[in-house]
Amino acid sequence: MNPPFREATVIPNTHTHAIAQLSRELHLPLSQVTEVYRAELAKLNESARLHHFVSVLATRHARGILIRSGRQ
């Protein structure tokens, strides 16, 4: 089981891959995607009972936020 993602910790491979994939998919800088992904991951980790799918949900939430922010 992956430990919850914390700002001060090293990003686990699962999250690094998800962030890089979102950055390529949306043509956005890694720094912007990382910021949104971290925020969504932190929210999800607070309430998650099963942490196996948190990265999938964080990716989905971050993608939606980044897409919506580009339309404004």
PDB file of N, CA and C in Angstrom:
ATOM      1  N   MET A   1       0.848  -1.182   0.000  1.00  0.00           N
ATOM      2  CA  MET A   1       0.000   0.000   0.000  1.00  0.00           C
ATOM      3  C   MET A   1       0.887   1.237   0.000  1.00  0.00           C
ATOM      4  N   ASN A   2       0.583   2.198  -0.853  1.00  0.00           N
ATOM      5  CA  ASN A   2       1.336   3.445  -0.916  1.00  0.00           C
ATOM      6  C   ASN A   2       0.970   4.320   0.270  1.00  0.00           C
ATOM      7  N   PRO A   3       1.965   4.921   0.913  1.00  0.00           N
ATOM      8  CA  PRO A   3       1.648   5.845   2.000  1.00  0.00           C
ATOM      9  C   PRO A   3       0.976   7.084   1.441  1.00  0.00           C
ATOM     10  N   PRO A   4       0.203   7.776   2.269  1.00  0.00           N
ATOM     11  CA  PRO A   4      -0.425   9.018   1.787  1.00  0.00           C
ATOM     12  C   PRO A   4       0.639   9.993   1.297  1.00  0.00           C
ATOM     13  N   PHE A   5       0.309  10.717   0.266  1.00  0.00           N
ATOM     14  CA  PHE A   5       1.223  11.697  -0.339  1.00  0.00           C
ATOM     15  C   PHE A   5       1.276  12.920   0.546  1.00  0.00           C
ATOM     16  N   ARG A   6       2.446  13.301   0.929  1.00  0.00           N
ATOM     17  CA  ARG A   6       2.631  14.495   1.745  1.00  0.00           C
ATOM     18  C   ARG A   6       3.547  15.447   0.991  1.00  0.00           C
ATOM     19  N   GLU A   7       3.343  16.728   1.179  1.00  0.00           N
ATOM     20  CA  GLU A   7       4.131  17.746   0.467  1.00  0.00           C
ATOM     21  C   GLU A   7       5.626  17.569   0.685  1.00  0.00           C
ATOM     22  N   ALA A   8       6.041  17.181   1.886  1.00  0.00           N
ATOM     23  CA  ALA A   8       7.462  17.106   2.195  1.00  0.00           C
ATOM     24  C   ALA A   8       8.100  15.779   1.778  1.00  0.00           C
ATOM     25  N   THR A   9       7.316  14.830   1.323  1.00  0.00           N
ATOM     26  CA  THR A   9       7.856  13.528   0.966  1.00  0.00           C
ATOM     27  C   THR A   9       8.215  13.465  -0.505  1.00  0.00           C
ATOM     28  N   VAL A  10       8.991  12.467  -0.854  1.00  0.00           N
ATOM     29  CA  VAL A  10       9.322  12.210  -2.251  1.00  0.00           C
ATOM     30  C   VAL A  10       8.066  11.667  -2.927  1.00  0.00           C
ATOM     31  N   ILE A  11       7.829  12.072  -4.160  1.00  0.00           N
ATOM     32  CA  ILE A  11       6.639  11.626  -4.881  1.00  0.00           C
ATOM     33  C   ILE A  11       6.824  10.167  -5.301  1.00  0.00           C
ATOM     34  N   PRO A  12       5.935   9.267  -4.861  1.00  0.00           N
ATOM     35  CA  PRO A  12       6.032   7.869  -5.286  1.00  0.00           C
ATOM     36  C   PRO A  12       5.883   7.751  -6.805  1.00  0.00           C
ATOM     37  N   ASN A  13       6.444   6.696  -7.382  1.00  0.00           N
ATOM     38  CA  ASN A  13       6.419   6.483  -8.829  1.00  0.00           C
ATOM     39  C   ASN A  13       5.026   6.573  -9.433  1.00  0.00           C
ATOM     40  N   THR A  14       4.038   6.030  -8.769  1.00  0.00           N
ATOM     41  CA  THR A  14       2.668   6.061  -9.282  1.00  0.00           C
ATOM     42  C   THR A  14       2.222   7.493  -9.537  1.00  0.00           C
ATOM     43  N   HIS A  15       2.506   8.366  -8.597  1.00  0.00           N
ATOM     44  CA  HIS A  15       2.089   9.757  -8.723  1.00  0.00           C
ATOM     45  C   HIS A  15       2.941  10.504  -9.752  1.00  0.00           C
ATOM     46  N   THR A  16       4.216  10.218  -9.775  1.00  0.00           N
ATOM     47  CA  THR A  16       5.109  10.839 -10.759  1.00  0.00           C
ATOM     48  C   THR A  16       4.637  10.518 -12.170  1.00  0.00           C
ATOM     49  N   HIS A  17       4.296   9.267 -12.397  1.00  0.00           N
ATOM     50  CA  HIS A  17       3.815   8.836 -13.711  1.00  0.00           C
ATOM     51  C   HIS A  17       2.507   9.546 -14.066  1.00  0.00           C
ATOM     52  N   ALA A  18       1.589   9.609 -13.116  1.00  0.00           N
ATOM     53  CA  ALA A  18       0.291  10.247 -13.372  1.00  0.00           C
ATOM     54  C   ALA A  18       0.469  11.733 -13.689  1.00  0.00           C
ATOM     55  N   ILE A  19       1.339  12.408 -12.955  1.00  0.00           N
ATOM     56  CA  ILE A  19       1.584  13.834 -13.176  1.00  0.00           C
ATOM     57  C   ILE A  19       2.204  14.057 -14.554  1.00  0.00           C
ATOM     58  N   ALA A  20       3.198  13.250 -14.893  1.00  0.00           N
ATOM     59  CA  ALA A  20       3.863  13.384 -16.198  1.00  0.00           C
ATOM     60  C   ALA A  20       2.889  13.123 -17.340  1.00  0.00           C
ATOM     61  N   GLN A  21       2.044  12.115 -17.172  1.00  0.00           N
ATOM     62  CA  GLN A  21       1.061  11.780 -18.208  1.00  0.00           C
ATOM     63  C   GLN A  21       0.064  12.920 -18.404  1.00  0.00           C
ATOM     64  N   LEU A  22      -0.428  13.484 -17.309  1.00  0.00           N
ATOM     65  CA  LEU A  22      -1.359  14.618 -17.406  1.00  0.00           C
ATOM     66  C   LEU A  22      -0.693  15.814 -18.069  1.00  0.00           C
ATOM     67  N   SER A  23       0.542  16.073 -17.717  1.00  0.00           N
ATOM     68  CA  SER A  23       1.273  17.189 -18.300  1.00  0.00           C
ATOM     69  C   SER A  23       1.384  17.038 -19.819  1.00  0.00           C
ATOM     70  N   ARG A  24       1.733  15.833 -20.274  1.00  0.00           N
ATOM     71  CA  ARG A  24       1.833  15.577 -21.719  1.00  0.00           C
ATOM     72  C   ARG A  24       0.461  15.662 -22.388  1.00  0.00           C
ATOM     73  N   GLU A  25      -0.519  15.050 -21.770  1.00  0.00           N
ATOM     74  CA  GLU A  25      -1.867  14.998 -22.348  1.00  0.00           C
ATOM     75  C   GLU A  25      -2.477  16.387 -22.514  1.00  0.00           C
ATOM     76  N   LEU A  26      -2.277  17.239 -21.506  1.00  0.00           N
ATOM     77  CA  LEU A  26      -2.912  18.559 -21.506  1.00  0.00           C
ATOM     78  C   LEU A  26      -1.983  19.674 -21.993  1.00  0.00           C
ATOM     79  N   HIS A  27      -0.741  19.305 -22.320  1.00  0.00           N
ATOM     80  CA  HIS A  27       0.251  20.280 -22.801  1.00  0.00           C
ATOM     81  C   HIS A  27       0.414  21.429 -21.806  1.00  0.00           C
ATOM     82  N   LEU A  28       0.580  21.047 -20.526  1.00  0.00           N
ATOM     83  CA  LEU A  28       0.767  22.023 -19.457  1.00  0.00           C
ATOM     84  C   LEU A  28       2.088  21.746 -18.745  1.00  0.00           C
ATOM     85  N   PRO A  29       2.679  22.762 -18.130  1.00  0.00           N
ATOM     86  CA  PRO A  29       3.939  22.568 -17.414  1.00  0.00           C
ATOM     87  C   PRO A  29       3.781  21.602 -16.229  1.00  0.00           C
ATOM     88  N   LEU A  30       4.830  20.822 -15.979  1.00  0.00           N
ATOM     89  CA  LEU A  30       4.811  19.886 -14.851  1.00  0.00           C
ATOM     90  C   LEU A  30       4.499  20.593 -13.539  1.00  0.00           C
ATOM     91  N   SER A  31       5.031  21.786 -13.358  1.00  0.00           N
ATOM     92  CA  SER A  31       4.813  22.505 -12.099  1.00  0.00           C
ATOM     93  C   SER A  31       3.333  22.805 -11.866  1.00  0.00           C
ATOM     94  N   GLN A  32       2.632  23.184 -12.904  1.00  0.00           N
ATOM     95  CA  GLN A  32       1.201  23.488 -12.781  1.00  0.00           C
ATOM     96  C   GLN A  32       0.404  22.223 -12.482  1.00  0.00           C
ATOM     97  N   VAL A  33       0.704  21.158 -13.200  1.00  0.00           N
ATOM     98  CA  VAL A  33      -0.003  19.891 -12.997  1.00  0.00           C
ATOM     99  C   VAL A  33       0.298  19.342 -11.605  1.00  0.00           C
ATOM    100  N   THR A  34       1.548  19.430 -11.180  1.00  0.00           N
ATOM    101  CA  THR A  34       1.934  18.927  -9.858  1.00  0.00           C
ATOM    102  C   THR A  34       1.178  19.651  -8.755  1.00  0.00           C
ATOM    103  N   GLU A  35       1.054  20.955  -8.879  1.00  0.00           N
ATOM    104  CA  GLU A  35       0.349  21.747  -7.864  1.00  0.00           C
ATOM    105  C   GLU A  35      -1.107  21.300  -7.728  1.00  0.00           C
ATOM    106  N   VAL A  36      -1.800  21.161  -8.842  1.00  0.00           N
ATOM    107  CA  VAL A  36      -3.208  20.757  -8.815  1.00  0.00           C
ATOM    108  C   VAL A  36      -3.344  19.311  -8.341  1.00  0.00           C
ATOM    109  N   TYR A  37      -2.471  18.440  -8.839  1.00  0.00           N
ATOM    110  CA  TYR A  37      -2.519  17.022  -8.460  1.00  0.00           C
ATOM    111  C   TYR A  37      -2.303  16.863  -6.954  1.00  0.00           C
ATOM    112  N   ARG A  38      -1.297  17.562  -6.412  1.00  0.00           N
ATOM    113  CA  ARG A  38      -1.020  17.474  -4.969  1.00  0.00           C
ATOM    114  C   ARG A  38      -2.231  17.910  -4.141  1.00  0.00           C
ATOM    115  N   ALA A  39      -2.856  18.989  -4.542  1.00  0.00           N
ATOM    116  CA  ALA A  39      -4.019  19.490  -3.807  1.00  0.00           C
ATOM    117  C   ALA A  39      -5.153  18.471  -3.823  1.00  0.00           C
ATOM    118  N   GLU A  40      -5.425  17.895  -4.982  1.00  0.00           N
ATOM    119  CA  GLU A  40      -6.502  16.909  -5.085  1.00  0.00           C
ATOM    120  C   GLU A  40      -6.155  15.632  -4.327  1.00  0.00           C
ATOM    121  N   LEU A  41      -4.908  15.215  -4.396  1.00  0.00           N
ATOM    122  CA  LEU A  41      -4.465  14.015  -3.700  1.00  0.00           C
ATOM    123  C   LEU A  41      -4.587  14.191  -2.190  1.00  0.00           C
ATOM    124  N   ALA A  42      -4.224  15.359  -1.692  1.00  0.00           N
ATOM    125  CA  ALA A  42      -4.330  15.635  -0.258  1.00  0.00           C
ATOM    126  C   ALA A  42      -5.783  15.559   0.199  1.00  0.00           C
ATOM    127  N   LYS A  43      -6.688  16.142  -0.574  1.00  0.00           N
ATOM    128  CA  LYS A  43      -8.121  16.088  -0.235  1.00  0.00           C
ATOM    129  C   LYS A  43      -8.615  14.655  -0.187  1.00  0.00           C
ATOM    130  N   LEU A  44      -8.243  13.884  -1.195  1.00  0.00           N
ATOM    131  CA  LEU A  44      -8.698  12.496  -1.268  1.00  0.00           C
ATOM    132  C   LEU A  44      -8.098  11.637  -0.158  1.00  0.00           C
ATOM    133  N   ASN A  45      -6.848  11.842   0.173  1.00  0.00           N
ATOM    134  CA  ASN A  45      -6.199  11.054   1.225  1.00  0.00           C
ATOM    135  C   ASN A  45      -6.823  11.293   2.590  1.00  0.00           C
ATOM    136  N   GLU A  46      -7.374  12.480   2.805  1.00  0.00           N
ATOM    137  CA  GLU A  46      -8.013  12.785   4.090  1.00  0.00           C
ATOM    138  C   GLU A  46      -9.210  11.884   4.358  1.00  0.00           C
ATOM    139  N   SER A  47      -9.966  11.569   3.317  1.00  0.00           N
ATOM    140  CA  SER A  47     -11.200  10.819   3.513  1.00  0.00           C
ATOM    141  C   SER A  47     -11.165   9.390   2.979  1.00  0.00           C
ATOM    142  N   ALA A  48     -10.076   8.995   2.346  1.00  0.00           N
ATOM    143  CA  ALA A  48     -10.016   7.676   1.720  1.00  0.00           C
ATOM    144  C   ALA A  48      -9.903   6.568   2.758  1.00  0.00           C
ATOM    145  N   ARG A  49     -10.679   5.518   2.547  1.00  0.00           N
ATOM    146  CA  ARG A  49     -10.556   4.318   3.377  1.00  0.00           C
ATOM    147  C   ARG A  49      -9.645   3.316   2.682  1.00  0.00           C
ATOM    148  N   LEU A  50      -9.735   3.279   1.371  1.00  0.00           N
ATOM    149  CA  LEU A  50      -8.873   2.421   0.559  1.00  0.00           C
ATOM    150  C   LEU A  50      -7.970   3.322  -0.265  1.00  0.00           C
ATOM    151  N   HIS A  51      -6.685   3.208  -0.075  1.00  0.00           N
ATOM    152  CA  HIS A  51      -5.744   4.105  -0.742  1.00  0.00           C
ATOM    153  C   HIS A  51      -5.262   3.584  -2.097  1.00  0.00           C
ATOM    154  N   HIS A  52      -5.732   2.396  -2.495  1.00  0.00           N
ATOM    155  CA  HIS A  52      -5.284   1.815  -3.756  1.00  0.00           C
ATOM    156  C   HIS A  52      -5.723   2.628  -4.969  1.00  0.00           C
ATOM    157  N   PHE A  53      -6.853   3.286  -4.897  1.00  0.00           N
ATOM    158  CA  PHE A  53      -7.404   3.984  -6.054  1.00  0.00           C
ATOM    159  C   PHE A  53      -7.301   5.497  -5.954  1.00  0.00           C
ATOM    160  N   VAL A  54      -6.639   5.988  -4.934  1.00  0.00           N
ATOM    161  CA  VAL A  54      -6.540   7.434  -4.722  1.00  0.00           C
ATOM    162  C   VAL A  54      -5.839   8.113  -5.892  1.00  0.00           C
ATOM    163  N   SER A  55      -4.787   7.502  -6.431  1.00  0.00           N
ATOM    164  CA  SER A  55      -4.072   8.138  -7.547  1.00  0.00           C
ATOM    165  C   SER A  55      -4.950   8.227  -8.789  1.00  0.00           C
ATOM    166  N   VAL A  56      -5.807   7.227  -9.006  1.00  0.00           N
ATOM    167  CA  VAL A  56      -6.728   7.259 -10.152  1.00  0.00           C
ATOM    168  C   VAL A  56      -7.720   8.408  -9.985  1.00  0.00           C
ATOM    169  N   LEU A  57      -8.270   8.533  -8.798  1.00  0.00           N
ATOM    170  CA  LEU A  57      -9.228   9.612  -8.542  1.00  0.00           C
ATOM    171  C   LEU A  57      -8.554  10.981  -8.578  1.00  0.00           C
ATOM    172  N   ALA A  58      -7.352  11.077  -8.029  1.00  0.00           N
ATOM    173  CA  ALA A  58      -6.629  12.351  -8.053  1.00  0.00           C
ATOM    174  C   ALA A  58      -6.338  12.772  -9.490  1.00  0.00           C
ATOM    175  N   THR A  59      -5.974  11.814 -10.332  1.00  0.00           N
ATOM    176  CA  THR A  59      -5.713  12.120 -11.742  1.00  0.00           C
ATOM    177  C   THR A  59      -6.976  12.625 -12.412  1.00  0.00           C
ATOM    178  N   ARG A  60      -8.085  11.966 -12.180  1.00  0.00           N
ATOM    179  CA  ARG A  60      -9.364  12.374 -12.778  1.00  0.00           C
ATOM    180  C   ARG A  60      -9.764  13.770 -12.315  1.00  0.00           C
ATOM    181  N   HIS A  61      -9.643  14.024 -11.019  1.00  0.00           N
ATOM    182  CA  HIS A  61     -10.019  15.335 -10.482  1.00  0.00           C
ATOM    183  C   HIS A  61      -9.102  16.430 -11.018  1.00  0.00           C
ATOM    184  N   ALA A  62      -7.790  16.163 -11.005  1.00  0.00           N
ATOM    185  CA  ALA A  62      -6.825  17.161 -11.492  1.00  0.00           C
ATOM    186  C   ALA A  62      -7.058  17.463 -12.967  1.00  0.00           C
ATOM    187  N   ARG A  63      -7.320  16.437 -13.772  1.00  0.00           N
ATOM    188  CA  ARG A  63      -7.584  16.637 -15.204  1.00  0.00           C
ATOM    189  C   ARG A  63      -8.782  17.568 -15.391  1.00  0.00           C
ATOM    190  N   GLY A  64      -9.851  17.319 -14.668  1.00  0.00           N
ATOM    191  CA  GLY A  64     -11.041  18.163 -14.778  1.00  0.00           C
ATOM    192  C   GLY A  64     -10.775  19.603 -14.392  1.00  0.00           C
ATOM    193  N   ILE A  65     -10.048  19.806 -13.311  1.00  0.00           N
ATOM    194  CA  ILE A  65      -9.723  21.163 -12.867  1.00  0.00           C
ATOM    195  C   ILE A  65      -8.859  21.875 -13.900  1.00  0.00           C
ATOM    196  N   LEU A  66      -7.828  21.182 -14.389  1.00  0.00           N
ATOM    197  CA  LEU A  66      -6.932  21.808 -15.367  1.00  0.00           C
ATOM    198  C   LEU A  66      -7.635  22.112 -16.677  1.00  0.00           C
ATOM    199  N   ILE A  67      -8.514  21.243 -17.118  1.00  0.00           N
ATOM    200  CA  ILE A  67      -9.262  21.500 -18.360  1.00  0.00           C
ATOM    201  C   ILE A  67     -10.201  22.694 -18.171  1.00  0.00           C
ATOM    202  N   ARG A  68     -10.897  22.719 -17.046  1.00  0.00           N
ATOM    203  CA  ARG A  68     -11.820  23.836 -16.789  1.00  0.00           C
ATOM    204  C   ARG A  68     -11.060  25.154 -16.650  1.00  0.00           C
ATOM    205  N   SER A  69      -9.896  25.122 -16.041  1.00  0.00           N
ATOM    206  CA  SER A  69      -9.136  26.372 -15.857  1.00  0.00           C
ATOM    207  C   SER A  69      -8.635  26.912 -17.198  1.00  0.00           C
ATOM    208  N   GLY A  70      -8.452  26.058 -18.176  1.00  0.00           N
ATOM    209  CA  GLY A  70      -8.019  26.499 -19.496  1.00  0.00           C
ATOM    210  C   GLY A  70      -9.126  27.113 -20.321  1.00  0.00           C
ATOM    211  N   ARG A  71     -10.349  26.878 -19.928  1.00  0.00           N
ATOM    212  CA  ARG A  71     -11.509  27.401 -20.684  1.00  0.00           C
ATOM    213  C   ARG A  71     -11.957  28.765 -20.204  1.00  0.00           C
ATOM    214  N   GLN A  72     -11.404  29.229 -19.108  1.00  0.00           N
ATOM    215  CA  GLN A  72     -11.850  30.508 -18.539  1.00  0.00           C
ATOM    216  C   GLN A  72     -11.224  31.673 -19.247  1.00  0.00           C
TER     217      GLN A  72
END
